[in-house]
Amino acid sequence: MADADSPHAHHAPDYIEIPALDAEAATRFYGDAFGWRFTSYGPAYHGIVAGDGREVGGISEVGEVTRGDLLVVLFSRDLQSSRDSVVKAGGTITRDIFDFPGGRRFHFADPSGNELAVWAFA
């Protein structure tokens, strides 16, 4: 059990692993699209480093990527700019910006075919 000073919140998302056909290409994509930083543990695994220096996820090289039901949703302060960055970095918009209760968002596929979303307040 984490102590009271731990940055890990009870029942909150704590670590996300993103499968990738090419881990190096995935780190370039997420670095270019969102400014993510990484800790490399070799050519097949890279830890995702948050602004506070804590590792919050990883990119793992796999032989096959299958789209699943889990959707990782990222927050943005500027949704259009985030969308533009995704496209410029090589992502594919799978569902363009749309309204939903509480905000707006879009969905995209990364170069390995993983679908994620980005949202912002309306």
PDB file of N, CA and C in Angstrom:
ATOM      1  N   MET A   1       0.840  -1.182   0.000  1.00  0.00           N
ATOM      2  CA  MET A   1       0.000   0.000   0.000  1.00  0.00           C
ATOM      3  C   MET A   1       0.884   1.243   0.000  1.00  0.00           C
ATOM      4  N   ALA A   2       0.526   2.220  -0.863  1.00  0.00           N
ATOM      5  CA  ALA A   2       1.302   3.451  -0.964  1.00  0.00           C
ATOM      6  C   ALA A   2       1.067   4.324   0.262  1.00  0.00           C
ATOM      7  N   ASP A   3       2.099   5.100   0.639  1.00  0.00           N
ATOM      8  CA  ASP A   3       1.922   5.983   1.780  1.00  0.00           C
ATOM      9  C   ASP A   3       1.185   7.261   1.359  1.00  0.00           C
ATOM     10  N   ALA A   4       0.823   8.090   2.335  1.00  0.00           N
ATOM     11  CA  ALA A   4       0.012   9.279   2.079  1.00  0.00           C
ATOM     12  C   ALA A   4       0.711  10.292   1.178  1.00  0.00           C
ATOM     13  N   ASP A   5       2.052  10.288   1.134  1.00  0.00           N
ATOM     14  CA  ASP A   5       2.800  11.236   0.317  1.00  0.00           C
ATOM     15  C   ASP A   5       3.051  10.724  -1.103  1.00  0.00           C
ATOM     16  N   SER A   6       2.567   9.549  -1.422  1.00  0.00           N
ATOM     17  CA  SER A   6       2.797   8.957  -2.736  1.00  0.00           C
ATOM     18  C   SER A   6       2.020   9.700  -3.814  1.00  0.00           C
ATOM     19  N   PRO A   7       2.607   9.862  -5.021  1.00  0.00           N
ATOM     20  CA  PRO A   7       1.883  10.499  -6.125  1.00  0.00           C
ATOM     21  C   PRO A   7       0.854   9.565  -6.760  1.00  0.00           C
ATOM     22  N   HIS A   8       0.783   8.328  -6.315  1.00  0.00           N
ATOM     23  CA  HIS A   8      -0.150   7.359  -6.882  1.00  0.00           C
ATOM     24  C   HIS A   8      -1.492   7.468  -6.166  1.00  0.00           C
ATOM     25  N   ALA A   9      -2.561   7.721  -6.934  1.00  0.00           N
ATOM     26  CA  ALA A   9      -3.892   7.870  -6.359  1.00  0.00           C
ATOM     27  C   ALA A   9      -4.638   6.546  -6.394  1.00  0.00           C
ATOM     28  N   HIS A  10      -5.333   6.240  -5.311  1.00  0.00           N
ATOM     29  CA  HIS A  10      -6.102   5.007  -5.190  1.00  0.00           C
ATOM     30  C   HIS A  10      -7.157   4.917  -6.291  1.00  0.00           C
ATOM     31  N   HIS A  11      -7.172   3.830  -7.016  1.00  0.00           N
ATOM     32  CA  HIS A  11      -8.121   3.536  -8.082  1.00  0.00           C
ATOM     33  C   HIS A  11      -8.006   4.461  -9.285  1.00  0.00           C
ATOM     34  N   ALA A  12      -6.957   5.262  -9.386  1.00  0.00           N
ATOM     35  CA  ALA A  12      -6.746   6.135 -10.540  1.00  0.00           C
ATOM     36  C   ALA A  12      -5.833   5.437 -11.544  1.00  0.00           C
ATOM     37  N   PRO A  13      -5.951   5.743 -12.813  1.00  0.00           N
ATOM     38  CA  PRO A  13      -4.987   5.175 -13.768  1.00  0.00           C
ATOM     39  C   PRO A  13      -3.570   5.507 -13.309  1.00  0.00           C
ATOM     40  N   ASP A  14      -2.711   4.520 -13.334  1.00  0.00           N
ATOM     41  CA  ASP A  14      -1.373   4.697 -12.792  1.00  0.00           C
ATOM     42  C   ASP A  14      -0.284   4.437 -13.824  1.00  0.00           C
ATOM     43  N   TYR A  15      -0.532   3.555 -14.767  1.00  0.00           N
ATOM     44  CA  TYR A  15       0.495   3.175 -15.726  1.00  0.00           C
ATOM     45  C   TYR A  15      -0.208   2.642 -16.963  1.00  0.00           C
ATOM     46  N   ILE A  16       0.146   3.127 -18.116  1.00  0.00           N
ATOM     47  CA  ILE A  16      -0.451   2.699 -19.372  1.00  0.00           C
ATOM     48  C   ILE A  16       0.646   2.098 -20.236  1.00  0.00           C
ATOM     49  N   GLU A  17       0.410   0.904 -20.743  1.00  0.00           N
ATOM     50  CA  GLU A  17       1.353   0.317 -21.692  1.00  0.00           C
ATOM     51  C   GLU A  17       0.739   0.331 -23.078  1.00  0.00           C
ATOM     52  N   ILE A  18       1.484   0.877 -24.014  1.00  0.00           N
ATOM     53  CA  ILE A  18       1.029   0.987 -25.394  1.00  0.00           C
ATOM     54  C   ILE A  18       1.820  -0.005 -26.238  1.00  0.00           C
ATOM     55  N   PRO A  19       1.144  -0.972 -26.861  1.00  0.00           N
ATOM     56  CA  PRO A  19       1.853  -1.894 -27.743  1.00  0.00           C
ATOM     57  C   PRO A  19       2.215  -1.190 -29.044  1.00  0.00           C
ATOM     58  N   ALA A  20       3.352  -1.546 -29.608  1.00  0.00           N
ATOM     59  CA  ALA A  20       3.799  -0.916 -30.850  1.00  0.00           C
ATOM     60  C   ALA A  20       4.511  -1.943 -31.723  1.00  0.00           C
ATOM     61  N   LEU A  21       4.292  -1.839 -33.014  1.00  0.00           N
ATOM     62  CA  LEU A  21       5.008  -2.705 -33.952  1.00  0.00           C
ATOM     63  C   LEU A  21       6.474  -2.320 -34.028  1.00  0.00           C
ATOM     64  N   ASP A  22       6.777  -1.035 -33.818  1.00  0.00           N
ATOM     65  CA  ASP A  22       8.141  -0.511 -33.835  1.00  0.00           C
ATOM     66  C   ASP A  22       8.246   0.488 -32.683  1.00  0.00           C
ATOM     67  N   ALA A  23       8.890   0.103 -31.603  1.00  0.00           N
ATOM     68  CA  ALA A  23       8.946   0.941 -30.400  1.00  0.00           C
ATOM     69  C   ALA A  23       9.656   2.264 -30.656  1.00  0.00           C
ATOM     70  N   GLU A  24      10.705   2.248 -31.452  1.00  0.00           N
ATOM     71  CA  GLU A  24      11.435   3.485 -31.757  1.00  0.00           C
ATOM     72  C   GLU A  24      10.541   4.457 -32.524  1.00  0.00           C
ATOM     73  N   ALA A  25       9.798   3.953 -33.516  1.00  0.00           N
ATOM     74  CA  ALA A  25       8.878   4.802 -34.284  1.00  0.00           C
ATOM     75  C   ALA A  25       7.778   5.340 -33.385  1.00  0.00           C
ATOM     76  N   ALA A  26       7.300   4.527 -32.452  1.00  0.00           N
ATOM     77  CA  ALA A  26       6.242   4.971 -31.536  1.00  0.00           C
ATOM     78  C   ALA A  26       6.740   6.088 -30.631  1.00  0.00           C
ATOM     79  N   THR A  27       7.968   5.992 -30.119  1.00  0.00           N
ATOM     80  CA  THR A  27       8.484   7.065 -29.262  1.00  0.00           C
ATOM     81  C   THR A  27       8.650   8.356 -30.065  1.00  0.00           C
ATOM     82  N   ARG A  28       9.072   8.242 -31.316  1.00  0.00           N
ATOM     83  CA  ARG A  28       9.166   9.438 -32.160  1.00  0.00           C
ATOM     84  C   ARG A  28       7.778  10.060 -32.344  1.00  0.00           C
ATOM     85  N   PHE A  29       6.783   9.211 -32.646  1.00  0.00           N
ATOM     86  CA  PHE A  29       5.428   9.709 -32.856  1.00  0.00           C
ATOM     87  C   PHE A  29       4.902  10.420 -31.615  1.00  0.00           C
ATOM     88  N   TYR A  30       4.920   9.768 -30.458  1.00  0.00           N
ATOM     89  CA  TYR A  30       4.370  10.369 -29.248  1.00  0.00           C
ATOM     90  C   TYR A  30       5.202  11.559 -28.775  1.00  0.00           C
ATOM     91  N   GLY A  31       6.498  11.515 -28.997  1.00  0.00           N
ATOM     92  CA  GLY A  31       7.337  12.666 -28.675  1.00  0.00           C
ATOM     93  C   GLY A  31       6.989  13.863 -29.544  1.00  0.00           C
ATOM     94  N   ASP A  32       6.841  13.630 -30.863  1.00  0.00           N
ATOM     95  CA  ASP A  32       6.508  14.717 -31.782  1.00  0.00           C
ATOM     96  C   ASP A  32       5.086  15.220 -31.577  1.00  0.00           C
ATOM     97  N   ALA A  33       4.138  14.317 -31.377  1.00  0.00           N
ATOM     98  CA  ALA A  33       2.726  14.708 -31.263  1.00  0.00           C
ATOM     99  C   ALA A  33       2.412  15.397 -29.947  1.00  0.00           C
ATOM    100  N   PHE A  34       2.983  14.917 -28.835  1.00  0.00           N
ATOM    101  CA  PHE A  34       2.585  15.396 -27.513  1.00  0.00           C
ATOM    102  C   PHE A  34       3.740  15.875 -26.635  1.00  0.00           C
ATOM    103  N   GLY A  35       4.956  15.814 -27.130  1.00  0.00           N
ATOM    104  CA  GLY A  35       6.102  16.253 -26.329  1.00  0.00           C
ATOM    105  C   GLY A  35       6.473  15.295 -25.221  1.00  0.00           C
ATOM    106  N   TRP A  36       6.017  14.026 -25.328  1.00  0.00           N
ATOM    107  CA  TRP A  36       6.341  13.044 -24.294  1.00  0.00           C
ATOM    108  C   TRP A  36       7.838  12.787 -24.248  1.00  0.00           C
ATOM    109  N   ARG A  37       8.344  12.502 -23.050  1.00  0.00           N
ATOM    110  CA  ARG A  37       9.739  12.113 -22.843  1.00  0.00           C
ATOM    111  C   ARG A  37       9.757  10.642 -22.447  1.00  0.00           C
ATOM    112  N   PHE A  38      10.900  10.000 -22.660  1.00  0.00           N
ATOM    113  CA  PHE A  38      10.995   8.557 -22.443  1.00  0.00           C
ATOM    114  C   PHE A  38      12.296   8.181 -21.749  1.00  0.00           C
ATOM    115  N   THR A  39      12.237   7.059 -21.042  1.00  0.00           N
ATOM    116  CA  THR A  39      13.425   6.391 -20.531  1.00  0.00           C
ATOM    117  C   THR A  39      13.539   5.099 -21.315  1.00  0.00           C
ATOM    118  N   SER A  40      14.655   4.919 -21.991  1.00  0.00           N
ATOM    119  CA  SER A  40      14.839   3.722 -22.814  1.00  0.00           C
ATOM    120  C   SER A  40      15.395   2.585 -21.962  1.00  0.00           C
ATOM    121  N   TYR A  41      14.746   1.435 -22.084  1.00  0.00           N
ATOM    122  CA  TYR A  41      15.207   0.225 -21.409  1.00  0.00           C
ATOM    123  C   TYR A  41      15.695  -0.784 -22.439  1.00  0.00           C
ATOM    124  N   GLY A  42      16.089  -0.304 -23.594  1.00  0.00           N
ATOM    125  CA  GLY A  42      16.503  -1.158 -24.690  1.00  0.00           C
ATOM    126  C   GLY A  42      15.646  -0.853 -25.905  1.00  0.00           C
ATOM    127  N   PRO A  43      15.902  -1.515 -27.009  1.00  0.00           N
ATOM    128  CA  PRO A  43      15.186  -1.178 -28.240  1.00  0.00           C
ATOM    129  C   PRO A  43      13.700  -1.536 -28.235  1.00  0.00           C
ATOM    130  N   ALA A  44      13.263  -2.403 -27.329  1.00  0.00           N
ATOM    131  CA  ALA A  44      11.881  -2.880 -27.369  1.00  0.00           C
ATOM    132  C   ALA A  44      10.993  -2.322 -26.255  1.00  0.00           C
ATOM    133  N   TYR A  45      11.534  -1.478 -25.358  1.00  0.00           N
ATOM    134  CA  TYR A  45      10.690  -0.921 -24.298  1.00  0.00           C
ATOM    135  C   TYR A  45      11.202   0.454 -23.892  1.00  0.00           C
ATOM    136  N   HIS A  46      10.254   1.392 -23.814  1.00  0.00           N
ATOM    137  CA  HIS A  46      10.576   2.758 -23.427  1.00  0.00           C
ATOM    138  C   HIS A  46       9.535   3.227 -22.414  1.00  0.00           C
ATOM    139  N   GLY A  47       9.992   3.699 -21.247  1.00  0.00           N
ATOM    140  CA  GLY A  47       9.084   4.217 -20.236  1.00  0.00           C
ATOM    141  C   GLY A  47       8.635   5.625 -20.585  1.00  0.00           C
ATOM    142  N   ILE A  48       7.362   5.920 -20.344  1.00  0.00           N
ATOM    143  CA  ILE A  48       6.805   7.255 -20.573  1.00  0.00           C
ATOM    144  C   ILE A  48       6.981   8.054 -19.287  1.00  0.00           C
ATOM    145  N   VAL A  49       7.651   9.205 -19.387  1.00  0.00           N
ATOM    146  CA  VAL A  49       7.983  10.014 -18.225  1.00  0.00           C
ATOM    147  C   VAL A  49       7.069  11.232 -18.150  1.00  0.00           C
ATOM    148  N   ALA A  50       6.381  11.396 -17.016  1.00  0.00           N
ATOM    149  CA  ALA A  50       5.499  12.543 -16.792  1.00  0.00           C
ATOM    150  C   ALA A  50       6.317  13.783 -16.485  1.00  0.00           C
ATOM    151  N   GLY A  51       5.653  14.932 -16.473  1.00  0.00           N
ATOM    152  CA  GLY A  51       6.319  16.198 -16.194  1.00  0.00           C
ATOM    153  C   GLY A  51       7.022  16.240 -14.851  1.00  0.00           C
ATOM    154  N   ASP A  52       6.516  15.467 -13.873  1.00  0.00           N
ATOM    155  CA  ASP A  52       7.146  15.454 -12.555  1.00  0.00           C
ATOM    156  C   ASP A  52       8.286  14.446 -12.461  1.00  0.00           C
ATOM    157  N   GLY A  53       8.606  13.782 -13.601  1.00  0.00           N
ATOM    158  CA  GLY A  53       9.702  12.823 -13.623  1.00  0.00           C
ATOM    159  C   GLY A  53       9.312  11.398 -13.296  1.00  0.00           C
ATOM    160  N   ARG A  54       8.044  11.192 -12.919  1.00  0.00           N
ATOM    161  CA  ARG A  54       7.566   9.852 -12.592  1.00  0.00           C
ATOM    162  C   ARG A  54       7.226   9.098 -13.862  1.00  0.00           C
ATOM    163  N   GLU A  55       7.575   7.824 -13.900  1.00  0.00           N
ATOM    164  CA  GLU A  55       7.206   7.001 -15.046  1.00  0.00           C
ATOM    165  C   GLU A  55       5.735   6.623 -14.923  1.00  0.00           C
ATOM    166  N   VAL A  56       4.946   6.918 -15.973  1.00  0.00           N
ATOM    167  CA  VAL A  56       3.499   6.709 -15.931  1.00  0.00           C
ATOM    168  C   VAL A  56       3.016   5.690 -16.962  1.00  0.00           C
ATOM    169  N   GLY A  57       3.935   5.146 -17.719  1.00  0.00           N
ATOM    170  CA  GLY A  57       3.547   4.171 -18.733  1.00  0.00           C
ATOM    171  C   GLY A  57       4.750   3.717 -19.517  1.00  0.00           C
ATOM    172  N   GLY A  58       4.465   2.943 -20.550  1.00  0.00           N
ATOM    173  CA  GLY A  58       5.541   2.446 -21.374  1.00  0.00           C
ATOM    174  C   GLY A  58       5.059   2.104 -22.774  1.00  0.00           C
ATOM    175  N   ILE A  59       6.006   2.052 -23.683  1.00  0.00           N
ATOM    176  CA  ILE A  59       5.754   1.592 -25.040  1.00  0.00           C
ATOM    177  C   ILE A  59       6.522   0.297 -25.201  1.00  0.00           C
ATOM    178  N   SER A  60       5.784  -0.750 -25.525  1.00  0.00           N
ATOM    179  CA  SER A  60       6.350  -2.092 -25.610  1.00  0.00           C
ATOM    180  C   SER A  60       6.238  -2.615 -27.041  1.00  0.00           C
ATOM    181  N   GLU A  61       7.361  -3.041 -27.607  1.00  0.00           N
ATOM    182  CA  GLU A  61       7.337  -3.592 -28.962  1.00  0.00           C
ATOM    183  C   GLU A  61       6.747  -4.994 -28.937  1.00  0.00           C
ATOM    184  N   VAL A  62       5.788  -5.222 -29.815  1.00  0.00           N
ATOM    185  CA  VAL A  62       5.090  -6.504 -29.917  1.00  0.00           C
ATOM    186  C   VAL A  62       5.044  -6.930 -31.378  1.00  0.00           C
ATOM    187  N   GLY A  63       4.709  -8.182 -31.606  1.00  0.00           N
ATOM    188  CA  GLY A  63       4.636  -8.702 -32.963  1.00  0.00           C
ATOM    189  C   GLY A  63       3.355  -8.363 -33.686  1.00  0.00           C
ATOM    190  N   GLU A  64       2.283  -8.080 -32.929  1.00  0.00           N
ATOM    191  CA  GLU A  64       0.991  -7.773 -33.531  1.00  0.00           C
ATOM    192  C   GLU A  64       0.210  -6.857 -32.600  1.00  0.00           C
ATOM    193  N   VAL A  65      -0.488  -5.897 -33.177  1.00  0.00           N
ATOM    194  CA  VAL A  65      -1.332  -4.993 -32.408  1.00  0.00           C
ATOM    195  C   VAL A  65      -2.781  -5.265 -32.789  1.00  0.00           C
ATOM    196  N   THR A  66      -3.616  -5.494 -31.783  1.00  0.00           N
ATOM    197  CA  THR A  66      -5.037  -5.739 -31.995  1.00  0.00           C
ATOM    198  C   THR A  66      -5.826  -4.632 -31.325  1.00  0.00           C
ATOM    199  N   ARG A  67      -6.729  -4.007 -32.068  1.00  0.00           N
ATOM    200  CA  ARG A  67      -7.565  -2.979 -31.462  1.00  0.00           C
ATOM    201  C   ARG A  67      -8.505  -3.618 -30.462  1.00  0.00           C
ATOM    202  N   GLY A  68      -8.575  -3.005 -29.298  1.00  0.00           N
ATOM    203  CA  GLY A  68      -9.412  -3.556 -28.244  1.00  0.00           C
ATOM    204  C   GLY A  68     -10.488  -2.583 -27.820  1.00  0.00           C
ATOM    205  N   ASP A  69     -11.095  -2.870 -26.711  1.00  0.00           N
ATOM    206  CA  ASP A  69     -12.172  -2.042 -26.200  1.00  0.00           C
ATOM    207  C   ASP A  69     -11.681  -0.920 -25.285  1.00  0.00           C
ATOM    208  N   LEU A  70     -10.472  -1.006 -24.802  1.00  0.00           N
ATOM    209  CA  LEU A  70      -9.931   0.013 -23.913  1.00  0.00           C
ATOM    210  C   LEU A  70      -9.540   1.239 -24.720  1.00  0.00           C
ATOM    211  N   LEU A  71      -9.973   2.410 -24.289  1.00  0.00           N
ATOM    212  CA  LEU A  71      -9.637   3.647 -24.974  1.00  0.00           C
ATOM    213  C   LEU A  71      -8.912   4.560 -24.003  1.00  0.00           C
ATOM    214  N   VAL A  72      -7.676   4.891 -24.316  1.00  0.00           N
ATOM    215  CA  VAL A  72      -6.906   5.848 -23.531  1.00  0.00           C
ATOM    216  C   VAL A  72      -7.283   7.239 -24.031  1.00  0.00           C
ATOM    217  N   VAL A  73      -7.666   8.115 -23.109  1.00  0.00           N
ATOM    218  CA  VAL A  73      -8.070   9.468 -23.464  1.00  0.00           C
ATOM    219  C   VAL A  73      -7.109  10.452 -22.795  1.00  0.00           C
ATOM    220  N   LEU A  74      -6.492  11.292 -23.601  1.00  0.00           N
ATOM    221  CA  LEU A  74      -5.543  12.295 -23.128  1.00  0.00           C
ATOM    222  C   LEU A  74      -6.241  13.648 -23.051  1.00  0.00           C
ATOM    223  N   PHE A  75      -5.799  14.507 -22.154  1.00  0.00           N
ATOM    224  CA  PHE A  75      -6.368  15.848 -22.026  1.00  0.00           C
ATOM    225  C   PHE A  75      -5.526  16.831 -22.818  1.00  0.00           C
ATOM    226  N   SER A  76      -6.170  17.863 -23.382  1.00  0.00           N
ATOM    227  CA  SER A  76      -5.464  18.909 -24.111  1.00  0.00           C
ATOM    228  C   SER A  76      -6.017  20.269 -23.724  1.00  0.00           C
ATOM    229  N   ARG A  77      -5.137  21.246 -23.638  1.00  0.00           N
ATOM    230  CA  ARG A  77      -5.579  22.624 -23.412  1.00  0.00           C
ATOM    231  C   ARG A  77      -5.937  23.301 -24.740  1.00  0.00           C
ATOM    232  N   ASP A  78      -5.497  22.708 -25.876  1.00  0.00           N
ATOM    233  CA  ASP A  78      -5.764  23.262 -27.208  1.00  0.00           C
ATOM    234  C   ASP A  78      -6.025  22.089 -28.148  1.00  0.00           C
ATOM    235  N   LEU A  79      -7.292  21.719 -28.294  1.00  0.00           N
ATOM    236  CA  LEU A  79      -7.665  20.513 -29.026  1.00  0.00           C
ATOM    237  C   LEU A  79      -7.240  20.562 -30.491  1.00  0.00           C
ATOM    238  N   GLN A  80      -7.459  21.683 -31.156  1.00  0.00           N
ATOM    239  CA  GLN A  80      -7.094  21.779 -32.577  1.00  0.00           C
ATOM    240  C   GLN A  80      -5.586  21.624 -32.762  1.00  0.00           C
ATOM    241  N   SER A  81      -4.812  22.240 -31.901  1.00  0.00           N
ATOM    242  CA  SER A  81      -3.355  22.125 -31.980  1.00  0.00           C
ATOM    243  C   SER A  81      -2.913  20.678 -31.753  1.00  0.00           C
ATOM    244  N   SER A  82      -3.565  20.000 -30.806  1.00  0.00           N
ATOM    245  CA  SER A  82      -3.242  18.590 -30.552  1.00  0.00           C
ATOM    246  C   SER A  82      -3.575  17.747 -31.773  1.00  0.00           C
ATOM    247  N   ARG A  83      -4.727  18.012 -32.391  1.00  0.00           N
ATOM    248  CA  ARG A  83      -5.120  17.280 -33.597  1.00  0.00           C
ATOM    249  C   ARG A  83      -4.091  17.493 -34.704  1.00  0.00           C
ATOM    250  N   ASP A  84      -3.693  18.758 -34.892  1.00  0.00           N
ATOM    251  CA  ASP A  84      -2.708  19.068 -35.925  1.00  0.00           C
ATOM    252  C   ASP A  84      -1.380  18.356 -35.661  1.00  0.00           C
ATOM    253  N   SER A  85      -0.973  18.293 -34.404  1.00  0.00           N
ATOM    254  CA  SER A  85       0.277  17.618 -34.038  1.00  0.00           C
ATOM    255  C   SER A  85       0.208  16.126 -34.312  1.00  0.00           C
ATOM    256  N   VAL A  86      -0.954  15.519 -34.034  1.00  0.00           N
ATOM    257  CA  VAL A  86      -1.133  14.090 -34.290  1.00  0.00           C
ATOM    258  C   VAL A  86      -0.975  13.805 -35.780  1.00  0.00           C
ATOM    259  N   VAL A  87      -1.633  14.595 -36.602  1.00  0.00           N
ATOM    260  CA  VAL A  87      -1.558  14.394 -38.057  1.00  0.00           C
ATOM    261  C   VAL A  87      -0.131  14.622 -38.553  1.00  0.00           C
ATOM    262  N   LYS A  88       0.504  15.701 -38.108  1.00  0.00           N
ATOM    263  CA  LYS A  88       1.871  16.017 -38.532  1.00  0.00           C
ATOM    264  C   LYS A  88       2.855  14.916 -38.140  1.00  0.00           C
ATOM    265  N   ALA A  89       2.606  14.288 -36.985  1.00  0.00           N
ATOM    266  CA  ALA A  89       3.500  13.232 -36.499  1.00  0.00           C
ATOM    267  C   ALA A  89       3.251  11.887 -37.184  1.00  0.00           C
ATOM    268  N   GLY A  90       2.198  11.785 -37.994  1.00  0.00           N
ATOM    269  CA  GLY A  90       1.936  10.541 -38.711  1.00  0.00           C
ATOM    270  C   GLY A  90       0.749   9.759 -38.215  1.00  0.00           C
ATOM    271  N   GLY A  91      -0.042  10.326 -37.307  1.00  0.00           N
ATOM    272  CA  GLY A  91      -1.248   9.654 -36.832  1.00  0.00           C
ATOM    273  C   GLY A  91      -2.383   9.800 -37.830  1.00  0.00           C
ATOM    274  N   THR A  92      -3.384   8.956 -37.706  1.00  0.00           N
ATOM    275  CA  THR A  92      -4.548   8.984 -38.579  1.00  0.00           C
ATOM    276  C   THR A  92      -5.780   9.318 -37.742  1.00  0.00           C
ATOM    277  N   ILE A  93      -6.493  10.350 -38.132  1.00  0.00           N
ATOM    278  CA  ILE A  93      -7.719  10.716 -37.421  1.00  0.00           C
ATOM    279  C   ILE A  93      -8.780   9.677 -37.770  1.00  0.00           C
ATOM    280  N   THR A  94      -9.316   9.008 -36.748  1.00  0.00           N
ATOM    281  CA  THR A  94     -10.345   7.995 -36.972  1.00  0.00           C
ATOM    282  C   THR A  94     -11.737   8.540 -36.683  1.00  0.00           C
ATOM    283  N   ARG A  95     -11.826   9.591 -35.887  1.00  0.00           N
ATOM    284  CA  ARG A  95     -13.091  10.272 -35.620  1.00  0.00           C
ATOM    285  C   ARG A  95     -12.736  11.717 -35.323  1.00  0.00           C
ATOM    286  N   ASP A  96     -13.135  12.614 -36.231  1.00  0.00           N
ATOM    287  CA  ASP A  96     -12.726  14.008 -36.106  1.00  0.00           C
ATOM    288  C   ASP A  96     -13.385  14.668 -34.893  1.00  0.00           C
ATOM    289  N   ILE A  97     -12.976  15.876 -34.600  1.00  0.00           N
ATOM    290  CA  ILE A  97     -13.431  16.591 -33.407  1.00  0.00           C
ATOM    291  C   ILE A  97     -14.962  16.613 -33.349  1.00  0.00           C
ATOM    292  N   PHE A  98     -15.475  16.220 -32.183  1.00  0.00           N
ATOM    293  CA  PHE A  98     -16.926  16.211 -31.973  1.00  0.00           C
ATOM    294  C   PHE A  98     -17.223  16.616 -30.534  1.00  0.00           C
ATOM    295  N   ASP A  99     -18.452  17.065 -30.322  1.00  0.00           N
ATOM    296  CA  ASP A  99     -18.903  17.452 -28.979  1.00  0.00           C
ATOM    297  C   ASP A  99     -19.402  16.227 -28.227  1.00  0.00           C
ATOM    298  N   PHE A 100     -19.176  16.231 -26.923  1.00  0.00           N
ATOM    299  CA  PHE A 100     -19.772  15.240 -26.027  1.00  0.00           C
ATOM    300  C   PHE A 100     -20.056  15.973 -24.719  1.00  0.00           C
ATOM    301  N   PRO A 101     -20.877  15.422 -23.841  1.00  0.00           N
ATOM    302  CA  PRO A 101     -21.193  16.135 -22.603  1.00  0.00           C
ATOM    303  C   PRO A 101     -19.928  16.507 -21.833  1.00  0.00           C
ATOM    304  N   GLY A 102     -19.694  17.792 -21.664  1.00  0.00           N
ATOM    305  CA  GLY A 102     -18.545  18.256 -20.901  1.00  0.00           C
ATOM    306  C   GLY A 102     -17.365  18.704 -21.728  1.00  0.00           C
ATOM    307  N   GLY A 103     -17.403  18.493 -23.039  1.00  0.00           N
ATOM    308  CA  GLY A 103     -16.262  18.915 -23.826  1.00  0.00           C
ATOM    309  C   GLY A 103     -16.333  18.514 -25.278  1.00  0.00           C
ATOM    310  N   ARG A 104     -15.158  18.446 -25.869  1.00  0.00           N
ATOM    311  CA  ARG A 104     -14.995  18.050 -27.266  1.00  0.00           C
ATOM    312  C   ARG A 104     -13.820  17.090 -27.320  1.00  0.00           C
ATOM    313  N   ARG A 105     -13.794  16.220 -28.330  1.00  0.00           N
ATOM    314  CA  ARG A 105     -12.662  15.315 -28.466  1.00  0.00           C
ATOM    315  C   ARG A 105     -12.550  14.799 -29.890  1.00  0.00           C
ATOM    316  N   PHE A 106     -11.418  14.142 -30.154  1.00  0.00           N
ATOM    317  CA  PHE A 106     -11.220  13.420 -31.405  1.00  0.00           C
ATOM    318  C   PHE A 106     -10.528  12.114 -31.089  1.00  0.00           C
ATOM    319  N   HIS A 107     -10.635  11.154 -32.007  1.00  0.00           N
ATOM    320  CA  HIS A 107      -9.964   9.867 -31.876  1.00  0.00           C
ATOM    321  C   HIS A 107      -8.931   9.761 -32.987  1.00  0.00           C
ATOM    322  N   PHE A 108      -7.861   9.038 -32.708  1.00  0.00           N
ATOM    323  CA  PHE A 108      -6.827   8.842 -33.724  1.00  0.00           C
ATOM    324  C   PHE A 108      -6.200   7.473 -33.560  1.00  0.00           C
ATOM    325  N   ALA A 109      -5.555   7.018 -34.631  1.00  0.00           N
ATOM    326  CA  ALA A 109      -4.765   5.787 -34.583  1.00  0.00           C
ATOM    327  C   ALA A 109      -3.299   6.168 -34.680  1.00  0.00           C
ATOM    328  N   ASP A 110      -2.484   5.564 -33.815  1.00  0.00           N
ATOM    329  CA  ASP A 110      -1.038   5.782 -33.894  1.00  0.00           C
ATOM    330  C   ASP A 110      -0.474   4.920 -35.028  1.00  0.00           C
ATOM    331  N   PRO A 111       0.818   5.030 -35.334  1.00  0.00           N
ATOM    332  CA  PRO A 111       1.368   4.257 -36.451  1.00  0.00           C
ATOM    333  C   PRO A 111       1.248   2.743 -36.309  1.00  0.00           C
ATOM    334  N   SER A 112       1.031   2.236 -35.100  1.00  0.00           N
ATOM    335  CA  SER A 112       0.852   0.793 -34.913  1.00  0.00           C
ATOM    336  C   SER A 112      -0.610   0.379 -34.976  1.00  0.00           C
ATOM    337  N   GLY A 113      -1.523   1.344 -35.103  1.00  0.00           N
ATOM    338  CA  GLY A 113      -2.941   1.040 -35.183  1.00  0.00           C
ATOM    339  C   GLY A 113      -3.697   1.143 -33.873  1.00  0.00           C
ATOM    340  N   ASN A 114      -3.026   1.536 -32.777  1.00  0.00           N
ATOM    341  CA  ASN A 114      -3.723   1.733 -31.500  1.00  0.00           C
ATOM    342  C   ASN A 114      -4.605   2.961 -31.605  1.00  0.00           C
ATOM    343  N   GLU A 115      -5.852   2.858 -31.119  1.00  0.00           N
ATOM    344  CA  GLU A 115      -6.739   4.010 -31.120  1.00  0.00           C
ATOM    345  C   GLU A 115      -6.734   4.677 -29.757  1.00  0.00           C
ATOM    346  N   LEU A 116      -6.525   5.983 -29.754  1.00  0.00           N
ATOM    347  CA  LEU A 116      -6.570   6.800 -28.553  1.00  0.00           C
ATOM    348  C   LEU A 116      -7.477   7.984 -28.845  1.00  0.00           C
ATOM    349  N   ALA A 117      -7.765   8.774 -27.824  1.00  0.00           N
ATOM    350  CA  ALA A 117      -8.566   9.980 -27.995  1.00  0.00           C
ATOM    351  C   ALA A 117      -7.916  11.123 -27.237  1.00  0.00           C
ATOM    352  N   VAL A 118      -8.244  12.329 -27.648  1.00  0.00           N
ATOM    353  CA  VAL A 118      -7.789  13.532 -26.966  1.00  0.00           C
ATOM    354  C   VAL A 118      -9.026  14.394 -26.740  1.00  0.00           C
ATOM    355  N   TRP A 119      -9.172  14.915 -25.521  1.00  0.00           N
ATOM    356  CA  TRP A 119     -10.332  15.746 -25.215  1.00  0.00           C
ATOM    357  C   TRP A 119      -9.911  17.069 -24.623  1.00  0.00           C
ATOM    358  N   ALA A 120     -10.848  18.017 -24.656  1.00  0.00           N
ATOM    359  CA  ALA A 120     -10.662  19.329 -24.044  1.00  0.00           C
ATOM    360  C   ALA A 120     -12.027  19.821 -23.566  1.00  0.00           C
ATOM    361  N   PHE A 121     -12.014  20.779 -22.642  1.00  0.00           N
ATOM    362  CA  PHE A 121     -13.262  21.399 -22.227  1.00  0.00           C
ATOM    363  C   PHE A 121     -13.850  22.135 -23.422  1.00  0.00           C
ATOM    364  N   ALA A 122     -15.179  22.247 -23.465  1.00  0.00           N
ATOM    365  CA  ALA A 122     -15.861  22.929 -24.574  1.00  0.00           C
ATOM    366  C   ALA A 122     -15.592  24.408 -24.527  1.00  0.00           C
TER     367      ALA A 122
END
